[in-house]
N, C-alpha and C. Protein backbone atom coordinates (compact mmCIF):
# COMPACT_ATOMS: atom_id res chain seq x y z
N UNK A 1 81.60 -18.65 58.49
CA UNK A 1 80.32 -19.19 58.33
C UNK A 1 80.15 -20.49 58.56
N UNK A 2 81.05 -21.48 58.56
CA UNK A 2 80.88 -22.78 58.60
C UNK A 2 80.68 -23.24 60.14
N UNK A 3 81.58 -22.47 60.95
CA UNK A 3 81.74 -22.82 62.44
C UNK A 3 80.92 -22.22 63.38
N UNK A 4 80.61 -20.70 62.72
CA UNK A 4 79.61 -19.99 63.74
C UNK A 4 78.21 -19.39 63.37
N UNK A 5 78.31 -18.72 62.34
CA UNK A 5 77.13 -18.36 61.75
C UNK A 5 76.26 -19.18 61.24
N UNK A 6 76.77 -20.16 60.25
CA UNK A 6 75.88 -21.08 60.01
C UNK A 6 75.03 -21.84 60.84
N UNK A 7 75.82 -22.68 62.25
CA UNK A 7 75.08 -23.43 62.95
C UNK A 7 74.13 -22.64 63.83
N UNK A 8 74.38 -21.34 63.92
CA UNK A 8 73.66 -20.35 64.54
C UNK A 8 72.10 -20.06 63.87
N UNK A 9 72.50 -19.73 62.81
CA UNK A 9 71.28 -19.46 61.58
C UNK A 9 70.60 -20.90 61.70
N UNK A 10 71.31 -22.14 61.54
CA UNK A 10 70.44 -23.19 61.50
C UNK A 10 69.54 -23.69 62.56
N UNK A 11 70.23 -22.99 63.99
CA UNK A 11 69.40 -23.35 65.20
C UNK A 11 68.65 -22.59 65.14
N UNK A 12 68.47 -21.14 64.81
CA UNK A 12 67.40 -20.06 65.01
C UNK A 12 66.08 -20.08 63.90
N UNK A 13 66.69 -20.46 62.75
CA UNK A 13 65.56 -20.33 61.58
C UNK A 13 65.78 -21.60 60.60
N UNK A 14 66.19 -22.68 61.12
CA UNK A 14 66.30 -23.91 60.31
C UNK A 14 64.83 -24.11 60.13
N UNK A 15 63.94 -23.82 60.77
CA UNK A 15 62.43 -24.38 60.61
C UNK A 15 61.86 -23.95 59.22
N UNK A 16 62.54 -22.73 58.89
CA UNK A 16 62.36 -22.31 57.48
C UNK A 16 62.37 -23.08 56.23
N UNK A 17 63.48 -23.90 56.40
CA UNK A 17 63.91 -24.57 55.11
C UNK A 17 65.14 -23.80 54.66
N UNK A 18 65.03 -22.46 54.84
CA UNK A 18 66.18 -21.87 54.08
C UNK A 18 67.65 -21.90 54.65
N UNK A 19 67.86 -22.49 55.82
CA UNK A 19 69.05 -22.73 56.32
C UNK A 19 69.14 -24.27 56.97
N UNK A 20 68.64 -25.30 56.12
CA UNK A 20 68.90 -26.37 56.31
C UNK A 20 70.12 -27.30 55.22
N UNK A 21 70.35 -28.52 55.90
CA UNK A 21 71.41 -29.01 54.85
C UNK A 21 72.70 -28.81 55.05
N UNK A 22 73.58 -29.38 54.49
CA UNK A 22 74.93 -29.43 55.11
C UNK A 22 75.69 -27.93 54.83
N UNK A 23 76.17 -27.60 55.72
CA UNK A 23 76.71 -26.25 55.57
C UNK A 23 78.30 -26.48 55.54
N UNK A 24 79.27 -26.20 54.56
CA UNK A 24 80.46 -26.54 54.20
C UNK A 24 81.04 -25.02 54.10
N UNK A 25 80.37 -23.98 54.21
CA UNK A 25 81.06 -22.82 54.56
C UNK A 25 80.59 -21.85 52.96
N UNK A 26 80.73 -22.53 51.95
CA UNK A 26 80.45 -22.11 50.72
C UNK A 26 79.02 -22.07 50.22
N UNK A 27 78.50 -21.22 49.42
CA UNK A 27 77.13 -21.19 49.16
C UNK A 27 76.56 -19.58 48.95
N UNK A 28 75.49 -19.79 48.60
CA UNK A 28 74.64 -18.48 48.40
C UNK A 28 74.84 -17.52 49.40
N UNK A 29 74.60 -17.90 50.64
CA UNK A 29 74.55 -16.87 51.78
C UNK A 29 76.17 -16.31 51.96
N UNK A 30 77.46 -17.10 51.78
CA UNK A 30 78.37 -16.55 51.86
C UNK A 30 78.85 -15.51 51.00
N UNK A 31 78.37 -15.89 49.61
CA UNK A 31 78.56 -14.98 48.60
C UNK A 31 77.84 -13.59 48.60
N UNK A 32 76.67 -14.07 49.12
CA UNK A 32 75.65 -12.74 49.37
C UNK A 32 76.30 -11.80 50.50
N UNK A 33 76.68 -12.43 51.57
CA UNK A 33 77.18 -11.41 52.48
C UNK A 33 78.82 -11.00 52.08
N UNK A 34 79.24 -11.30 51.17
CA UNK A 34 80.80 -10.89 50.76
C UNK A 34 80.27 -9.74 49.83
N UNK A 35 79.14 -10.15 48.92
CA UNK A 35 78.84 -8.90 47.91
C UNK A 35 78.08 -7.69 48.68
N UNK A 36 77.59 -8.00 49.77
CA UNK A 36 76.93 -6.97 50.31
C UNK A 36 78.48 -5.88 51.08
N UNK A 37 79.04 -6.68 51.49
CA UNK A 37 80.28 -5.84 52.25
C UNK A 37 81.08 -5.30 51.22
N UNK A 38 81.25 -5.84 49.75
CA UNK A 38 81.80 -5.21 48.84
C UNK A 38 81.21 -3.94 48.11
N UNK A 39 79.82 -3.98 48.02
CA UNK A 39 78.88 -2.67 47.71
C UNK A 39 78.80 -1.77 48.62
N UNK A 40 78.80 -1.81 49.99
CA UNK A 40 78.71 -1.07 50.98
C UNK A 40 79.38 0.20 50.57
N UNK A 41 80.58 0.30 50.32
CA UNK A 41 81.51 1.51 50.27
C UNK A 41 80.88 2.25 48.74
N UNK A 42 80.23 1.80 48.00
CA UNK A 42 79.80 2.38 46.84
C UNK A 42 78.53 2.91 47.08
N UNK A 43 77.70 2.30 47.58
CA UNK A 43 76.32 2.76 48.07
C UNK A 43 76.51 3.93 49.23
N UNK A 44 77.43 3.81 49.89
CA UNK A 44 77.58 4.64 51.09
C UNK A 44 78.48 6.19 50.66
N UNK A 45 79.41 6.14 49.70
CA UNK A 45 79.71 6.92 48.96
C UNK A 45 78.81 7.78 48.08
N UNK A 46 78.16 7.20 46.94
CA UNK A 46 77.17 7.90 46.48
C UNK A 46 75.93 8.42 47.16
N UNK A 47 75.41 7.77 48.27
CA UNK A 47 74.38 8.34 49.11
C UNK A 47 74.83 9.79 49.90
N UNK A 48 76.25 9.59 50.22
CA UNK A 48 76.64 10.84 50.76
C UNK A 48 76.76 12.14 49.81
N UNK A 49 77.26 11.69 48.50
CA UNK A 49 77.11 12.55 47.69
C UNK A 49 75.96 13.07 47.37
N UNK A 50 74.67 12.49 47.38
CA UNK A 50 73.42 12.93 47.14
C UNK A 50 73.11 13.71 48.24
N UNK A 51 73.03 13.20 49.64
CA UNK A 51 72.81 14.21 50.49
C UNK A 51 73.59 15.48 50.59
N UNK A 52 74.78 15.46 49.94
CA UNK A 52 75.64 16.76 50.08
C UNK A 52 74.69 17.51 49.11
N UNK A 53 74.10 17.17 47.97
CA UNK A 53 73.43 18.01 46.92
C UNK A 53 72.16 18.66 47.38
N UNK A 54 71.67 18.23 48.48
CA UNK A 54 70.35 18.78 49.06
C UNK A 54 70.67 20.44 49.21
N UNK A 55 70.18 21.44 48.55
CA UNK A 55 70.58 22.67 48.86
C UNK A 55 70.33 23.16 50.35
N UNK A 56 71.27 24.17 50.65
CA UNK A 56 71.38 24.45 52.14
C UNK A 56 70.27 25.29 52.29
N UNK A 57 69.51 25.90 51.42
CA UNK A 57 68.14 26.60 51.70
C UNK A 57 67.28 25.51 52.44
N UNK A 58 67.25 24.37 51.56
CA UNK A 58 66.40 23.25 52.14
C UNK A 58 66.69 23.04 53.88
N UNK A 59 67.75 22.64 54.09
CA UNK A 59 67.86 22.51 55.26
C UNK A 59 67.89 23.48 56.14
N UNK A 60 68.04 24.83 55.86
CA UNK A 60 67.78 26.02 56.71
C UNK A 60 66.41 26.30 57.13
N UNK A 61 65.68 26.08 55.68
CA UNK A 61 64.25 26.21 56.05
C UNK A 61 63.69 25.14 56.94
N UNK A 62 63.86 24.25 57.10
CA UNK A 62 63.62 23.24 58.02
C UNK A 62 63.96 23.59 59.56
N UNK A 63 65.01 23.88 59.87
CA UNK A 63 65.70 24.28 61.01
C UNK A 63 65.02 25.70 61.45
N UNK A 64 64.73 26.40 60.48
CA UNK A 64 63.75 27.61 60.89
C UNK A 64 62.52 27.64 61.32
N UNK A 65 62.01 26.54 60.85
CA UNK A 65 60.45 26.05 61.16
C UNK A 65 60.73 25.50 62.60
N UNK A 66 61.68 25.29 63.45
CA UNK A 66 62.06 24.97 64.81
C UNK A 66 62.35 23.16 64.96
N UNK A 67 62.57 22.83 63.76
CA UNK A 67 63.12 21.29 64.08
C UNK A 67 64.42 21.01 64.39
N UNK A 68 64.53 20.02 65.11
CA UNK A 68 65.83 19.41 65.56
C UNK A 68 66.80 19.13 64.51
N UNK A 69 67.89 18.85 64.97
CA UNK A 69 68.79 18.56 63.70
C UNK A 69 68.85 17.08 63.37
N UNK A 70 68.10 16.31 63.92
CA UNK A 70 67.65 15.02 63.60
C UNK A 70 66.61 14.91 62.50
N UNK A 71 65.78 16.16 63.03
CA UNK A 71 64.40 16.31 62.28
C UNK A 71 64.45 16.73 60.83
N UNK A 72 65.52 17.68 61.16
CA UNK A 72 65.94 18.30 59.47
C UNK A 72 66.63 17.43 58.62
N UNK A 73 67.44 16.39 59.34
CA UNK A 73 68.04 15.31 58.37
C UNK A 73 66.82 14.22 58.13
N UNK A 74 65.88 13.93 58.65
CA UNK A 74 64.92 13.21 58.65
C UNK A 74 63.92 13.44 57.43
N UNK A 75 63.29 14.82 57.66
CA UNK A 75 62.42 15.37 57.02
C UNK A 75 62.73 16.43 55.90
N UNK A 76 63.96 17.06 56.18
CA UNK A 76 64.32 17.86 54.99
C UNK A 76 65.23 17.19 54.10
N UNK A 77 66.53 16.62 54.56
CA UNK A 77 67.32 16.06 53.54
C UNK A 77 66.98 14.68 53.01
N UNK A 78 66.56 13.68 54.03
CA UNK A 78 66.19 12.41 53.33
C UNK A 78 65.11 12.31 52.63
N UNK A 79 64.17 13.13 52.80
CA UNK A 79 62.97 13.18 51.96
C UNK A 79 63.33 13.88 50.81
N UNK A 80 64.07 14.74 50.48
CA UNK A 80 64.73 15.31 49.13
C UNK A 80 65.63 14.60 48.46
N UNK A 81 66.37 13.72 49.20
CA UNK A 81 67.41 12.67 48.44
C UNK A 81 66.74 11.43 48.35
N UNK A 82 65.69 11.00 48.81
CA UNK A 82 65.78 9.55 48.79
C UNK A 82 65.56 9.04 47.41
N UNK A 83 65.22 9.63 46.28
CA UNK A 83 65.41 9.08 45.11
C UNK A 83 67.04 8.78 44.65
N UNK A 84 67.59 9.73 44.84
CA UNK A 84 69.37 9.47 44.90
C UNK A 84 69.49 8.52 45.59
N UNK A 85 69.03 8.23 46.97
CA UNK A 85 69.69 7.20 47.61
C UNK A 85 69.09 5.81 46.92
N UNK A 86 67.86 5.65 46.29
CA UNK A 86 67.45 4.46 45.78
C UNK A 86 68.49 4.38 44.48
N UNK A 87 68.77 5.35 43.65
CA UNK A 87 69.71 5.32 42.72
C UNK A 87 70.88 4.79 43.15
N UNK A 88 71.56 5.13 43.97
CA UNK A 88 72.84 4.27 44.89
C UNK A 88 72.91 3.14 44.84
N UNK A 89 71.62 2.85 45.73
CA UNK A 89 71.40 1.21 45.88
C UNK A 89 71.38 0.50 44.57
N UNK A 90 70.74 1.25 43.71
CA UNK A 90 70.32 0.23 42.44
C UNK A 90 72.11 0.14 41.60
N UNK A 91 72.86 1.33 41.64
CA UNK A 91 74.06 1.33 41.28
C UNK A 91 75.16 0.37 41.94
N UNK A 92 74.80 -0.04 43.24
CA UNK A 92 75.56 -0.99 43.87
C UNK A 92 75.01 -2.34 43.52
N UNK A 93 73.76 -2.54 43.37
CA UNK A 93 73.24 -3.69 42.44
C UNK A 93 73.65 -4.06 41.23
N UNK A 94 74.50 -2.84 40.39
CA UNK A 94 74.83 -3.11 39.04
C UNK A 94 76.13 -3.66 39.40
N UNK A 95 76.84 -3.22 40.05
CA UNK A 95 78.03 -3.62 40.66
C UNK A 95 78.03 -5.07 41.08
N UNK A 96 77.12 -5.54 41.89
CA UNK A 96 77.13 -6.87 42.34
C UNK A 96 76.60 -7.91 41.40
N UNK A 97 75.93 -7.32 40.38
CA UNK A 97 75.63 -8.18 38.98
C UNK A 97 77.11 -8.57 38.47
N UNK A 98 77.95 -7.63 38.25
CA UNK A 98 78.86 -7.63 37.29
C UNK A 98 79.88 -8.34 38.01
N UNK A 99 80.23 -8.54 39.42
CA UNK A 99 81.16 -9.16 40.22
C UNK A 99 81.04 -10.40 39.74
N UNK A 100 82.52 -10.91 39.38
CA UNK A 100 82.93 -12.34 38.77
C UNK A 100 83.52 -13.03 39.85
N UNK A 101 84.67 -12.85 40.41
CA UNK A 101 85.91 -13.50 40.97
C UNK A 101 85.46 -13.88 42.42
N UNK A 102 85.10 -12.85 43.37
CA UNK A 102 84.92 -13.13 44.58
C UNK A 102 83.83 -14.22 44.47
N UNK A 103 82.50 -13.94 43.72
CA UNK A 103 81.41 -14.80 43.81
C UNK A 103 81.84 -16.34 43.56
N UNK A 104 82.70 -16.36 42.34
CA UNK A 104 83.09 -17.60 41.99
C UNK A 104 83.90 -18.51 42.95
N UNK A 105 84.55 -17.70 43.72
CA UNK A 105 85.34 -18.60 44.85
C UNK A 105 84.35 -18.87 45.99
N UNK A 106 83.51 -17.98 46.19
CA UNK A 106 82.57 -18.61 47.27
C UNK A 106 81.12 -19.23 47.20
N UNK A 107 80.94 -18.97 46.15
CA UNK A 107 79.29 -19.51 45.69
C UNK A 107 79.36 -21.17 45.59
N UNK A 108 80.47 -22.01 45.19
CA UNK A 108 80.62 -23.04 45.29
C UNK A 108 80.40 -23.58 44.01
N UNK A 109 79.99 -23.25 42.86
CA UNK A 109 79.99 -23.30 41.43
C UNK A 109 79.27 -24.85 41.22
N UNK A 110 77.84 -24.99 41.35
CA UNK A 110 76.81 -26.24 41.57
C UNK A 110 75.86 -25.56 40.62
N UNK A 111 75.50 -26.26 39.55
CA UNK A 111 74.34 -25.90 38.64
C UNK A 111 73.09 -26.17 39.18
N UNK A 112 72.80 -26.80 39.93
CA UNK A 112 71.53 -27.13 40.63
C UNK A 112 71.11 -25.92 41.61
N UNK A 113 69.28 -25.71 41.54
CA UNK A 113 68.96 -24.70 42.20
C UNK A 113 68.47 -25.52 43.73
N UNK A 114 68.96 -25.13 44.67
CA UNK A 114 68.38 -25.69 45.90
C UNK A 114 67.47 -24.49 46.82
N UNK A 115 66.92 -25.05 47.76
CA UNK A 115 66.23 -23.94 48.66
C UNK A 115 66.90 -23.54 49.77
N UNK A 116 68.09 -24.39 50.19
CA UNK A 116 68.83 -23.74 51.28
C UNK A 116 69.86 -22.86 50.78
N UNK A 117 70.08 -21.77 51.78
CA UNK A 117 71.05 -20.98 51.37
C UNK A 117 72.47 -21.22 51.83
N UNK A 118 72.61 -22.26 52.42
CA UNK A 118 73.80 -22.95 52.40
C UNK A 118 74.62 -23.66 51.35
N UNK A 119 73.31 -24.29 50.32
CA UNK A 119 73.82 -24.90 49.18
C UNK A 119 74.62 -24.25 48.41
N UNK A 120 75.82 -24.86 47.60
CA UNK A 120 76.35 -23.99 46.58
C UNK A 120 75.75 -23.84 45.17
N UNK A 121 75.73 -22.90 44.50
CA UNK A 121 74.94 -22.56 43.27
C UNK A 121 76.05 -22.01 42.33
N UNK A 122 75.61 -21.30 41.35
CA UNK A 122 76.26 -20.73 40.25
C UNK A 122 75.50 -19.59 40.10
N UNK A 123 76.44 -18.51 39.36
CA UNK A 123 75.87 -17.19 38.82
C UNK A 123 76.12 -17.21 37.32
N UNK A 124 75.56 -16.14 36.69
CA UNK A 124 76.01 -15.95 35.35
C UNK A 124 77.64 -15.92 35.02
N UNK A 125 78.07 -14.80 35.89
CA UNK A 125 79.32 -14.49 35.83
C UNK A 125 80.33 -15.58 35.99
N UNK A 126 80.22 -16.36 37.15
CA UNK A 126 80.93 -17.44 37.57
C UNK A 126 80.88 -18.66 36.50
N UNK A 127 79.41 -18.85 35.83
CA UNK A 127 79.61 -19.83 34.76
C UNK A 127 80.70 -19.47 33.60
N UNK A 128 80.29 -18.31 33.13
CA UNK A 128 81.28 -17.81 32.18
C UNK A 128 82.80 -17.98 32.53
N UNK A 129 83.08 -17.54 33.71
CA UNK A 129 84.86 -17.46 34.21
C UNK A 129 84.99 -19.12 34.18
N UNK A 130 84.17 -20.08 34.73
CA UNK A 130 84.81 -21.14 34.98
C UNK A 130 84.51 -22.21 33.53
N UNK A 131 83.79 -21.73 32.45
CA UNK A 131 83.46 -22.90 31.57
C UNK A 131 84.15 -22.16 30.24
N UNK A 132 84.67 -21.01 30.06
CA UNK A 132 85.10 -20.15 28.98
C UNK A 132 86.53 -21.18 28.26
N UNK A 133 87.11 -21.50 29.27
CA UNK A 133 88.53 -22.20 28.49
C UNK A 133 87.89 -23.48 28.23
N UNK A 134 87.08 -24.32 28.79
CA UNK A 134 86.65 -25.53 28.28
C UNK A 134 85.70 -25.73 27.15
N UNK A 135 85.32 -24.48 26.77
CA UNK A 135 84.19 -24.32 25.64
C UNK A 135 85.10 -25.19 24.17
N UNK A 136 84.53 -26.20 23.94
CA UNK A 136 84.91 -26.62 22.82
C UNK A 136 84.11 -26.56 21.33
N UNK A 137 82.89 -26.60 21.49
CA UNK A 137 82.18 -26.73 20.33
C UNK A 137 81.68 -25.29 20.22
N UNK A 138 81.16 -24.78 18.78
CA UNK A 138 80.47 -23.72 18.26
C UNK A 138 79.59 -23.32 18.95
N UNK A 139 78.75 -24.32 19.41
CA UNK A 139 77.20 -24.12 20.09
C UNK A 139 77.46 -23.96 21.79
N UNK A 140 78.66 -24.71 22.19
CA UNK A 140 78.99 -24.45 23.74
C UNK A 140 79.50 -22.89 23.77
N UNK A 141 80.43 -22.46 22.79
CA UNK A 141 81.46 -21.23 23.07
C UNK A 141 79.96 -20.12 22.61
N UNK A 142 79.01 -20.28 21.99
CA UNK A 142 77.84 -19.49 21.45
C UNK A 142 77.07 -19.14 23.07
N UNK A 143 76.91 -20.15 23.32
CA UNK A 143 75.55 -20.22 24.62
C UNK A 143 76.42 -19.11 25.58
N UNK A 144 78.06 -19.41 26.01
CA UNK A 144 78.63 -18.75 26.88
C UNK A 144 78.50 -17.43 26.65
N UNK A 145 78.98 -16.92 25.44
CA UNK A 145 78.90 -15.55 24.88
C UNK A 145 77.33 -14.93 25.01
N UNK A 146 76.43 -15.62 24.65
CA UNK A 146 75.05 -15.31 25.02
C UNK A 146 74.64 -15.06 26.50
N UNK A 147 75.10 -15.61 27.30
CA UNK A 147 75.25 -15.78 28.82
C UNK A 147 75.94 -14.30 29.09
N UNK A 148 76.97 -14.24 28.44
CA UNK A 148 77.51 -12.57 28.81
C UNK A 148 76.91 -11.61 28.25
N UNK A 149 76.42 -11.74 27.10
CA UNK A 149 75.46 -10.80 26.58
C UNK A 149 74.15 -10.57 27.32
N UNK A 150 73.63 -11.44 27.91
CA UNK A 150 72.43 -11.34 28.90
C UNK A 150 72.63 -10.49 30.02
N UNK A 151 74.15 -10.77 30.74
CA UNK A 151 74.59 -10.16 31.82
C UNK A 151 74.95 -8.90 31.58
N UNK A 152 75.56 -8.59 30.49
CA UNK A 152 75.61 -7.11 29.96
C UNK A 152 74.38 -6.32 29.86
N UNK A 153 73.27 -6.86 29.37
CA UNK A 153 72.37 -6.07 29.07
C UNK A 153 71.45 -5.78 30.63
N UNK A 154 71.51 -6.68 31.30
CA UNK A 154 70.83 -6.41 32.46
C UNK A 154 71.59 -5.45 33.30
N UNK A 155 73.14 -5.48 33.30
CA UNK A 155 73.82 -4.59 33.91
C UNK A 155 73.70 -3.02 33.31
N UNK A 156 73.61 -3.00 32.02
CA UNK A 156 73.47 -1.55 31.58
C UNK A 156 72.16 -1.05 32.01
N UNK A 157 70.83 -1.87 31.89
CA UNK A 157 69.76 -1.37 32.18
C UNK A 157 69.64 -0.83 33.76
N UNK A 158 70.26 -1.81 34.85
CA UNK A 158 70.36 -1.47 35.89
C UNK A 158 71.04 -0.04 36.24
N UNK A 159 72.48 0.04 35.51
CA UNK A 159 73.02 1.30 35.71
C UNK A 159 72.31 2.43 35.02
N UNK A 160 71.80 2.10 34.06
CA UNK A 160 71.03 3.31 33.67
C UNK A 160 69.71 3.92 34.17
N UNK A 161 69.38 3.08 34.80
CA UNK A 161 68.26 3.35 35.88
C UNK A 161 68.58 4.12 36.89
N UNK A 162 69.78 3.80 37.66
CA UNK A 162 70.31 4.14 38.64
C UNK A 162 71.14 5.77 38.24
N UNK A 163 71.54 5.76 37.07
CA UNK A 163 72.08 7.09 36.88
C UNK A 163 70.85 7.96 36.19
N UNK A 164 69.69 7.68 35.96
CA UNK A 164 68.78 8.36 35.69
C UNK A 164 68.12 8.89 37.00
N UNK A 165 68.09 8.09 37.93
CA UNK A 165 67.48 8.52 39.36
C UNK A 165 68.30 9.44 40.02
N UNK A 166 69.58 9.22 39.90
CA UNK A 166 70.70 10.26 40.42
C UNK A 166 70.70 11.62 39.82
N UNK A 167 70.78 11.32 38.48
CA UNK A 167 70.52 12.52 37.77
C UNK A 167 69.17 13.61 38.24
N UNK A 168 68.07 12.82 38.30
CA UNK A 168 66.87 13.38 38.74
C UNK A 168 66.88 14.23 40.00
N UNK A 169 67.89 13.56 41.16
CA UNK A 169 68.17 14.64 42.21
C UNK A 169 69.17 15.58 42.29
N UNK A 170 70.12 15.27 41.47
CA UNK A 170 71.33 16.14 41.35
C UNK A 170 70.88 17.54 40.49
N UNK A 171 70.01 17.35 39.28
CA UNK A 171 70.22 18.31 38.50
C UNK A 171 69.54 19.89 39.16
N UNK A 172 68.91 19.39 39.87
CA UNK A 172 68.46 20.96 40.86
C UNK A 172 69.06 21.43 41.82
N UNK A 173 70.53 21.13 41.52
CA UNK A 173 71.54 21.72 42.65
C UNK A 173 72.15 23.32 41.58
């Protein structure tokens, strides 16, 4: 990130302001890329399962109408499974929301909000991981527990929505 990707992005897209400032290799962009790589297997696995749940009769019907294999996938399978694919993406998002250690190591742990994607930041999970051992007062400890509760509620809501979408697609099998 620091030596190759960051300077390239700053040269090409530096005018936007999103890729300006010092690039130390840690920051929002690095953590986001690592999270994207981490949730890709989950999304692809669930998408495969949803696409396999498309009834064979649906595929055969599209092929019987004279469609090519690619047209059958595009019109018959993807159109039928799009809600489940969205659900898989939302489940991946729920996994990314709860990720703690990879983000904590890569995001830079800085409480300020900056415009640049190269700048360090912090997430709810990384704040809890970094500051829980140092919480001395009751208010400090209570605020960290409240952050954990907020993260828990958001994760539960995202996962429930994804499960509902996937259930809506696979119940017809």
